[in-house]
Amino acid sequence: MSSQDRCCDPVSLASLLVESAVGLKRLAGPSFEQAHDLPHQSFDLLVHLARSPGRRLRMSDLAAQCSLTPSGLTRAVDRLSEAGLVARDSCAEDRRGAFASLTPLGAERMERALGSHSSRLQEIIAEALDQPEQELLMALLGRLRDRLHPEVAPTTPSG
């Protein structure tokens, strides 16, 4: 199989995306969790909320974006709520629905963690991609994510 054929193979492409994400977590995750006493899953939830309109998402959308089962998300949000980082709000349009929203304390905690995490990720990514390649990858992944998760705020150059 030529590199041209492999590049266009959707199974290979999806596999490379997943392997890259797993590799980033493996290289950056443990030091991040230890430095900030914030499990990666919790940070992931906080980032999704921070990047969403109104800093909140329906629980079902948040579960889908974070690849968690509804019960797994409930447990994670309960832990974050007990820590004062996330609030659970009822949905006026659907009494069965609920939103998870980032509290001011959650936003502050996330911002503190973002600095060092961003620096470590930049070190890892810069070893493989130069700045124009990073910008192109960001744009392409943003388009893919927006197509797969239209409920998320559209990707902007900063985020």
N, C-alpha and C. Protein backbone atom coordinates (compact mmCIF):
# COMPACT_ATOMS: atom_id res chain seq x y z
N MET A 1 0.85 -1.18 0.00
CA MET A 1 0.00 0.00 0.00
C MET A 1 0.89 1.24 0.00
N SER A 2 0.69 2.13 -0.94
CA SER A 2 1.50 3.35 -1.01
C SER A 2 1.07 4.32 0.09
N SER A 3 1.91 5.31 0.37
CA SER A 3 1.56 6.30 1.38
C SER A 3 0.33 7.09 0.95
N GLN A 4 0.15 7.28 -0.37
CA GLN A 4 -1.05 7.97 -0.88
C GLN A 4 -2.31 7.16 -0.55
N ASP A 5 -2.27 5.84 -0.78
CA ASP A 5 -3.43 4.99 -0.48
C ASP A 5 -3.70 4.96 1.02
N ARG A 6 -2.65 4.84 1.81
CA ARG A 6 -2.82 4.78 3.27
C ARG A 6 -3.39 6.09 3.79
N CYS A 7 -2.95 7.20 3.23
CA CYS A 7 -3.42 8.51 3.67
C CYS A 7 -4.91 8.66 3.46
N CYS A 8 -5.43 8.09 2.41
CA CYS A 8 -6.84 8.25 2.10
C CYS A 8 -7.71 7.15 2.70
N ASP A 9 -7.13 6.18 3.34
CA ASP A 9 -7.87 5.09 3.96
C ASP A 9 -8.50 5.60 5.26
N PRO A 10 -9.84 5.65 5.32
CA PRO A 10 -10.49 6.22 6.50
C PRO A 10 -10.23 5.42 7.78
N VAL A 11 -10.05 4.12 7.68
CA VAL A 11 -9.76 3.31 8.86
C VAL A 11 -8.38 3.68 9.41
N SER A 12 -7.40 3.81 8.53
CA SER A 12 -6.07 4.20 8.97
C SER A 12 -6.07 5.61 9.55
N LEU A 13 -6.78 6.50 8.92
CA LEU A 13 -6.86 7.88 9.41
C LEU A 13 -7.47 7.93 10.80
N ALA A 14 -8.61 7.26 10.98
CA ALA A 14 -9.26 7.24 12.29
C ALA A 14 -8.35 6.59 13.33
N SER A 15 -7.68 5.53 12.95
CA SER A 15 -6.77 4.85 13.87
C SER A 15 -5.62 5.76 14.29
N LEU A 16 -5.06 6.49 13.34
CA LEU A 16 -3.98 7.43 13.67
C LEU A 16 -4.46 8.54 14.60
N LEU A 17 -5.67 9.03 14.40
CA LEU A 17 -6.22 10.05 15.30
C LEU A 17 -6.34 9.51 16.72
N VAL A 18 -6.88 8.31 16.85
CA VAL A 18 -7.06 7.72 18.17
C VAL A 18 -5.71 7.42 18.82
N GLU A 19 -4.79 6.83 18.06
CA GLU A 19 -3.47 6.52 18.60
C GLU A 19 -2.74 7.78 19.05
N SER A 20 -2.88 8.86 18.29
CA SER A 20 -2.25 10.12 18.66
C SER A 20 -2.83 10.68 19.95
N ALA A 21 -4.15 10.62 20.09
CA ALA A 21 -4.79 11.09 21.31
C ALA A 21 -4.35 10.27 22.52
N VAL A 22 -4.30 8.97 22.35
CA VAL A 22 -3.85 8.10 23.45
C VAL A 22 -2.39 8.42 23.81
N GLY A 23 -1.58 8.63 22.80
CA GLY A 23 -0.17 8.96 23.05
C GLY A 23 0.00 10.27 23.79
N LEU A 24 -0.77 11.27 23.43
CA LEU A 24 -0.72 12.56 24.14
C LEU A 24 -1.10 12.39 25.60
N LYS A 25 -2.15 11.63 25.86
CA LYS A 25 -2.57 11.40 27.25
C LYS A 25 -1.49 10.65 28.02
N ARG A 26 -0.88 9.68 27.36
CA ARG A 26 0.16 8.87 28.03
C ARG A 26 1.36 9.72 28.40
N LEU A 27 1.77 10.62 27.49
CA LEU A 27 2.95 11.43 27.74
C LEU A 27 2.70 12.61 28.67
N ALA A 28 1.53 13.22 28.58
CA ALA A 28 1.28 14.43 29.35
C ALA A 28 0.41 14.20 30.58
N GLY A 29 -0.37 13.14 30.59
CA GLY A 29 -1.34 12.92 31.65
C GLY A 29 -0.81 12.75 33.05
N PRO A 30 0.09 11.81 33.28
CA PRO A 30 0.52 11.56 34.67
C PRO A 30 1.14 12.78 35.37
N SER A 31 2.01 13.50 34.69
CA SER A 31 2.63 14.67 35.33
C SER A 31 1.58 15.75 35.59
N PHE A 32 0.62 15.88 34.68
CA PHE A 32 -0.44 16.86 34.86
C PHE A 32 -1.29 16.52 36.07
N GLU A 33 -1.73 15.26 36.15
CA GLU A 33 -2.59 14.84 37.26
C GLU A 33 -1.90 15.04 38.59
N GLN A 34 -0.61 14.72 38.63
CA GLN A 34 0.13 14.85 39.88
C GLN A 34 0.32 16.31 40.25
N ALA A 35 0.65 17.15 39.29
CA ALA A 35 0.90 18.56 39.58
C ALA A 35 -0.35 19.32 40.00
N HIS A 36 -1.50 18.93 39.48
CA HIS A 36 -2.72 19.71 39.71
C HIS A 36 -3.78 18.98 40.52
N ASP A 37 -3.48 17.77 40.95
CA ASP A 37 -4.44 16.97 41.71
C ASP A 37 -5.81 17.01 41.04
N LEU A 38 -5.78 16.81 39.74
CA LEU A 38 -7.01 16.86 38.94
C LEU A 38 -6.92 15.74 37.91
N PRO A 39 -7.69 14.69 38.09
CA PRO A 39 -7.64 13.60 37.12
C PRO A 39 -7.92 14.09 35.71
N HIS A 40 -7.31 13.45 34.73
CA HIS A 40 -7.47 13.89 33.34
C HIS A 40 -8.95 13.92 32.95
N GLN A 41 -9.72 12.94 33.38
CA GLN A 41 -11.14 12.92 33.03
C GLN A 41 -11.85 14.18 33.55
N SER A 42 -11.53 14.59 34.76
CA SER A 42 -12.13 15.80 35.32
C SER A 42 -11.72 17.02 34.53
N PHE A 43 -10.45 17.11 34.20
CA PHE A 43 -9.96 18.23 33.40
C PHE A 43 -10.66 18.25 32.05
N ASP A 44 -10.81 17.09 31.43
CA ASP A 44 -11.47 16.98 30.14
C ASP A 44 -12.91 17.51 30.22
N LEU A 45 -13.62 17.14 31.27
CA LEU A 45 -14.99 17.64 31.45
C LEU A 45 -15.00 19.16 31.62
N LEU A 46 -14.08 19.68 32.42
CA LEU A 46 -14.01 21.12 32.64
C LEU A 46 -13.69 21.87 31.35
N VAL A 47 -12.79 21.34 30.54
CA VAL A 47 -12.44 21.98 29.27
C VAL A 47 -13.65 21.99 28.33
N HIS A 48 -14.37 20.88 28.25
CA HIS A 48 -15.56 20.84 27.38
C HIS A 48 -16.58 21.88 27.83
N LEU A 49 -16.78 22.00 29.12
CA LEU A 49 -17.74 22.99 29.61
C LEU A 49 -17.25 24.41 29.34
N ALA A 50 -15.98 24.65 29.55
CA ALA A 50 -15.44 26.00 29.35
C ALA A 50 -15.53 26.44 27.89
N ARG A 51 -15.45 25.51 26.97
CA ARG A 51 -15.47 25.84 25.54
C ARG A 51 -16.88 25.84 24.95
N SER A 52 -17.88 25.62 25.76
CA SER A 52 -19.26 25.55 25.28
C SER A 52 -19.99 26.86 25.55
N PRO A 53 -20.99 27.17 24.74
CA PRO A 53 -21.76 28.40 24.95
C PRO A 53 -22.34 28.45 26.37
N GLY A 54 -22.14 29.57 27.03
CA GLY A 54 -22.63 29.72 28.39
C GLY A 54 -21.90 28.87 29.41
N ARG A 55 -20.80 28.25 28.99
CA ARG A 55 -20.00 27.36 29.85
C ARG A 55 -20.86 26.25 30.44
N ARG A 56 -21.79 25.74 29.60
CA ARG A 56 -22.62 24.63 30.04
C ARG A 56 -23.04 23.77 28.86
N LEU A 57 -23.35 22.52 29.17
CA LEU A 57 -23.81 21.55 28.18
C LEU A 57 -24.87 20.67 28.81
N ARG A 58 -25.76 20.17 27.95
CA ARG A 58 -26.67 19.13 28.41
C ARG A 58 -25.82 17.94 28.85
N MET A 59 -26.26 17.28 29.89
CA MET A 59 -25.52 16.13 30.40
C MET A 59 -25.34 15.09 29.30
N SER A 60 -26.35 14.85 28.48
CA SER A 60 -26.24 13.84 27.43
C SER A 60 -25.19 14.23 26.38
N ASP A 61 -25.10 15.52 26.04
CA ASP A 61 -24.10 15.98 25.08
C ASP A 61 -22.69 15.88 25.67
N LEU A 62 -22.56 16.24 26.94
CA LEU A 62 -21.27 16.15 27.61
C LEU A 62 -20.80 14.70 27.68
N ALA A 63 -21.70 13.79 27.97
CA ALA A 63 -21.35 12.37 28.02
C ALA A 63 -20.85 11.90 26.66
N ALA A 64 -21.55 12.29 25.61
CA ALA A 64 -21.14 11.88 24.26
C ALA A 64 -19.78 12.44 23.88
N GLN A 65 -19.54 13.70 24.20
CA GLN A 65 -18.28 14.33 23.84
C GLN A 65 -17.10 13.76 24.61
N CYS A 66 -17.36 13.30 25.81
CA CYS A 66 -16.27 12.77 26.65
C CYS A 66 -16.21 11.25 26.63
N SER A 67 -17.01 10.64 25.77
CA SER A 67 -17.03 9.17 25.65
C SER A 67 -17.31 8.49 26.97
N LEU A 68 -18.29 9.01 27.70
CA LEU A 68 -18.70 8.41 28.97
C LEU A 68 -20.13 7.92 28.86
N THR A 69 -20.44 6.88 29.60
CA THR A 69 -21.83 6.46 29.69
C THR A 69 -22.57 7.49 30.53
N PRO A 70 -23.88 7.56 30.41
CA PRO A 70 -24.63 8.50 31.25
C PRO A 70 -24.35 8.31 32.74
N SER A 71 -24.28 7.05 33.20
CA SER A 71 -24.00 6.83 34.62
C SER A 71 -22.58 7.22 34.98
N GLY A 72 -21.63 6.98 34.07
CA GLY A 72 -20.25 7.39 34.32
C GLY A 72 -20.13 8.90 34.42
N LEU A 73 -20.85 9.61 33.54
CA LEU A 73 -20.84 11.07 33.60
C LEU A 73 -21.49 11.56 34.89
N THR A 74 -22.58 10.94 35.28
CA THR A 74 -23.25 11.34 36.52
C THR A 74 -22.29 11.26 37.70
N ARG A 75 -21.56 10.17 37.79
CA ARG A 75 -20.59 10.00 38.88
C ARG A 75 -19.50 11.07 38.80
N ALA A 76 -18.99 11.32 37.59
CA ALA A 76 -17.93 12.32 37.43
C ALA A 76 -18.44 13.72 37.78
N VAL A 77 -19.63 14.06 37.32
CA VAL A 77 -20.19 15.38 37.62
C VAL A 77 -20.49 15.49 39.12
N ASP A 78 -20.95 14.42 39.74
CA ASP A 78 -21.18 14.44 41.19
C ASP A 78 -19.89 14.78 41.93
N ARG A 79 -18.77 14.17 41.52
CA ARG A 79 -17.48 14.45 42.18
C ARG A 79 -17.07 15.91 41.97
N LEU A 80 -17.24 16.39 40.74
CA LEU A 80 -16.88 17.79 40.45
C LEU A 80 -17.81 18.76 41.16
N SER A 81 -19.07 18.38 41.31
CA SER A 81 -20.04 19.22 42.01
C SER A 81 -19.70 19.30 43.50
N GLU A 82 -19.34 18.16 44.09
CA GLU A 82 -18.93 18.14 45.51
C GLU A 82 -17.72 19.01 45.75
N ALA A 83 -16.84 19.11 44.74
CA ALA A 83 -15.65 19.95 44.86
C ALA A 83 -15.95 21.42 44.53
N GLY A 84 -17.18 21.72 44.11
CA GLY A 84 -17.56 23.09 43.80
C GLY A 84 -17.12 23.57 42.42
N LEU A 85 -16.73 22.63 41.55
CA LEU A 85 -16.21 23.00 40.24
C LEU A 85 -17.29 23.01 39.14
N VAL A 86 -18.35 22.26 39.35
CA VAL A 86 -19.43 22.14 38.37
C VAL A 86 -20.76 22.20 39.11
N ALA A 87 -21.75 22.80 38.45
CA ALA A 87 -23.12 22.82 38.99
C ALA A 87 -24.02 22.06 38.04
N ARG A 88 -25.03 21.46 38.58
CA ARG A 88 -26.02 20.77 37.76
C ARG A 88 -27.29 21.62 37.80
N ASP A 89 -27.79 21.97 36.60
CA ASP A 89 -28.96 22.83 36.48
C ASP A 89 -30.06 22.07 35.76
N SER A 90 -31.29 22.30 36.16
CA SER A 90 -32.40 21.65 35.46
C SER A 90 -32.68 22.37 34.16
N CYS A 91 -33.30 21.67 33.25
CA CYS A 91 -33.63 22.20 31.93
C CYS A 91 -35.09 22.63 31.94
N ALA A 92 -35.36 23.91 31.70
CA ALA A 92 -36.73 24.43 31.73
C ALA A 92 -37.59 23.80 30.63
N GLU A 93 -36.98 23.50 29.48
CA GLU A 93 -37.75 22.94 28.36
C GLU A 93 -38.05 21.47 28.51
N ASP A 94 -37.24 20.76 29.27
CA ASP A 94 -37.38 19.32 29.40
C ASP A 94 -37.08 18.95 30.86
N ARG A 95 -38.11 18.65 31.62
CA ARG A 95 -37.92 18.40 33.06
C ARG A 95 -37.01 17.21 33.33
N ARG A 96 -36.91 16.30 32.37
CA ARG A 96 -36.01 15.15 32.57
C ARG A 96 -34.56 15.50 32.26
N GLY A 97 -34.35 16.57 31.49
CA GLY A 97 -33.00 16.95 31.08
C GLY A 97 -32.30 17.77 32.14
N ALA A 98 -31.00 17.78 32.07
CA ALA A 98 -30.20 18.56 33.01
C ALA A 98 -28.97 19.08 32.28
N PHE A 99 -28.46 20.17 32.77
CA PHE A 99 -27.23 20.76 32.26
C PHE A 99 -26.15 20.64 33.32
N ALA A 100 -24.92 20.52 32.86
CA ALA A 100 -23.76 20.68 33.73
C ALA A 100 -23.15 22.02 33.34
N SER A 101 -22.83 22.82 34.34
CA SER A 101 -22.23 24.13 34.05
C SER A 101 -21.00 24.34 34.91
N LEU A 102 -20.07 25.05 34.35
CA LEU A 102 -18.81 25.35 35.02
C LEU A 102 -19.05 26.46 36.04
N THR A 103 -18.63 26.26 37.26
CA THR A 103 -18.74 27.30 38.28
C THR A 103 -17.54 28.25 38.16
N PRO A 104 -17.60 29.41 38.77
CA PRO A 104 -16.42 30.29 38.76
C PRO A 104 -15.18 29.60 39.35
N LEU A 105 -15.37 28.82 40.41
CA LEU A 105 -14.24 28.08 40.99
C LEU A 105 -13.70 27.07 39.99
N GLY A 106 -14.58 26.40 39.25
CA GLY A 106 -14.14 25.44 38.23
C GLY A 106 -13.37 26.12 37.12
N ALA A 107 -13.83 27.29 36.70
CA ALA A 107 -13.12 28.04 35.66
C ALA A 107 -11.75 28.48 36.15
N GLU A 108 -11.67 28.90 37.39
CA GLU A 108 -10.38 29.33 37.96
C GLU A 108 -9.41 28.16 38.06
N ARG A 109 -9.90 27.02 38.53
CA ARG A 109 -9.06 25.83 38.67
C ARG A 109 -8.55 25.36 37.30
N MET A 110 -9.44 25.39 36.31
CA MET A 110 -9.06 24.98 34.97
C MET A 110 -8.01 25.92 34.39
N GLU A 111 -8.20 27.21 34.54
CA GLU A 111 -7.24 28.18 34.00
C GLU A 111 -5.85 27.97 34.60
N ARG A 112 -5.78 27.70 35.90
CA ARG A 112 -4.48 27.46 36.53
C ARG A 112 -3.82 26.22 35.93
N ALA A 113 -4.59 25.20 35.70
CA ALA A 113 -4.05 23.95 35.17
C ALA A 113 -3.67 24.07 33.70
N LEU A 114 -4.39 24.91 32.97
CA LEU A 114 -4.15 25.03 31.53
C LEU A 114 -2.74 25.48 31.18
N GLY A 115 -2.18 26.38 31.95
CA GLY A 115 -0.85 26.91 31.64
C GLY A 115 0.21 25.84 31.49
N SER A 116 0.39 25.04 32.53
CA SER A 116 1.44 24.02 32.48
C SER A 116 1.06 22.91 31.51
N HIS A 117 -0.20 22.56 31.45
CA HIS A 117 -0.63 21.50 30.54
C HIS A 117 -0.40 21.92 29.09
N SER A 118 -0.74 23.14 28.79
CA SER A 118 -0.55 23.67 27.44
C SER A 118 0.93 23.67 27.06
N SER A 119 1.78 24.06 28.00
CA SER A 119 3.22 24.07 27.74
C SER A 119 3.75 22.68 27.45
N ARG A 120 3.34 21.70 28.23
CA ARG A 120 3.80 20.32 28.03
C ARG A 120 3.30 19.78 26.69
N LEU A 121 2.05 20.03 26.36
CA LEU A 121 1.52 19.58 25.08
C LEU A 121 2.26 20.24 23.92
N GLN A 122 2.57 21.51 24.06
CA GLN A 122 3.30 22.21 22.99
C GLN A 122 4.68 21.59 22.78
N GLU A 123 5.35 21.23 23.87
CA GLU A 123 6.65 20.56 23.74
C GLU A 123 6.52 19.28 22.92
N ILE A 124 5.53 18.48 23.26
CA ILE A 124 5.33 17.19 22.60
C ILE A 124 4.98 17.39 21.13
N ILE A 125 4.03 18.28 20.85
CA ILE A 125 3.56 18.50 19.49
C ILE A 125 4.63 19.15 18.62
N ALA A 126 5.37 20.09 19.20
CA ALA A 126 6.40 20.80 18.42
C ALA A 126 7.54 19.87 17.98
N GLU A 127 7.70 18.75 18.66
CA GLU A 127 8.70 17.78 18.23
C GLU A 127 8.32 17.12 16.91
N ALA A 128 7.02 17.11 16.58
CA ALA A 128 6.56 16.43 15.37
C ALA A 128 6.08 17.39 14.28
N LEU A 129 5.56 18.55 14.67
CA LEU A 129 4.94 19.46 13.70
C LEU A 129 5.46 20.88 13.87
N ASP A 130 5.75 21.54 12.75
CA ASP A 130 6.13 22.95 12.85
C ASP A 130 4.85 23.80 12.99
N GLN A 131 5.01 25.10 13.17
CA GLN A 131 3.85 25.98 13.43
C GLN A 131 2.80 25.95 12.32
N PRO A 132 3.18 26.07 11.05
CA PRO A 132 2.14 25.99 10.00
C PRO A 132 1.41 24.65 9.99
N GLU A 133 2.12 23.56 10.25
CA GLU A 133 1.48 22.25 10.30
C GLU A 133 0.51 22.15 11.48
N GLN A 134 0.90 22.73 12.62
CA GLN A 134 0.02 22.74 13.78
C GLN A 134 -1.25 23.53 13.48
N GLU A 135 -1.11 24.67 12.83
CA GLU A 135 -2.27 25.50 12.50
C GLU A 135 -3.20 24.77 11.53
N LEU A 136 -2.62 24.08 10.54
CA LEU A 136 -3.43 23.33 9.59
C LEU A 136 -4.16 22.18 10.29
N LEU A 137 -3.43 21.45 11.14
CA LEU A 137 -4.05 20.35 11.87
C LEU A 137 -5.17 20.86 12.76
N MET A 138 -4.96 21.98 13.43
CA MET A 138 -5.99 22.57 14.28
C MET A 138 -7.24 22.89 13.47
N ALA A 139 -7.06 23.49 12.31
CA ALA A 139 -8.20 23.85 11.47
C ALA A 139 -8.93 22.60 10.99
N LEU A 140 -8.19 21.61 10.55
CA LEU A 140 -8.81 20.38 10.04
C LEU A 140 -9.54 19.61 11.14
N LEU A 141 -8.90 19.47 12.28
CA LEU A 141 -9.55 18.75 13.38
C LEU A 141 -10.76 19.53 13.90
N GLY A 142 -10.67 20.85 13.88
CA GLY A 142 -11.81 21.67 14.28
C GLY A 142 -13.00 21.44 13.36
N ARG A 143 -12.74 21.38 12.07
CA ARG A 143 -13.83 21.11 11.10
C ARG A 143 -14.43 19.73 11.33
N LEU A 144 -13.57 18.74 11.56
CA LEU A 144 -14.06 17.39 11.80
C LEU A 144 -14.88 17.34 13.08
N ARG A 145 -14.36 17.93 14.14
CA ARG A 145 -15.08 17.95 15.42
C ARG A 145 -16.43 18.67 15.27
N ASP A 146 -16.44 19.82 14.57
CA ASP A 146 -17.68 20.58 14.39
C ASP A 146 -18.72 19.75 13.64
N ARG A 147 -18.28 18.93 12.72
CA ARG A 147 -19.19 18.06 11.97
C ARG A 147 -19.72 16.94 12.85
N LEU A 148 -18.85 16.39 13.71
CA LEU A 148 -19.23 15.27 14.56
C LEU A 148 -20.01 15.71 15.80
N HIS A 149 -19.75 16.93 16.26
CA HIS A 149 -20.39 17.47 17.46
C HIS A 149 -20.88 18.88 17.20
N PRO A 150 -21.94 19.03 16.40
CA PRO A 150 -22.40 20.38 16.06
C PRO A 150 -22.91 21.18 17.24
N GLU A 151 -23.20 20.51 18.37
CA GLU A 151 -23.70 21.22 19.54
C GLU A 151 -22.60 21.99 20.28
N VAL A 152 -21.35 21.73 19.95
CA VAL A 152 -20.21 22.39 20.59
C VAL A 152 -19.97 23.72 19.87
N ALA A 153 -19.49 24.69 20.62
CA ALA A 153 -19.18 25.98 20.00
C ALA A 153 -18.20 25.77 18.87
N PRO A 154 -18.39 26.44 17.73
CA PRO A 154 -17.45 26.30 16.61
C PRO A 154 -16.02 26.64 17.05
N THR A 155 -15.09 25.94 16.45
CA THR A 155 -13.69 26.15 16.75
C THR A 155 -13.27 27.54 16.33
N THR A 156 -12.52 28.19 17.20
CA THR A 156 -11.95 29.49 16.90
C THR A 156 -10.44 29.35 16.90
N PRO A 157 -9.70 30.31 16.31
CA PRO A 157 -8.25 30.19 16.30
C PRO A 157 -7.64 29.99 17.68
N SER A 158 -8.25 30.55 18.74
CA SER A 158 -7.70 30.40 20.07
C SER A 158 -8.16 29.14 20.77
N GLY A 159 -9.14 28.44 20.22
CA GLY A 159 -9.56 27.32 21.01
C GLY A 159 -10.36 26.29 20.43
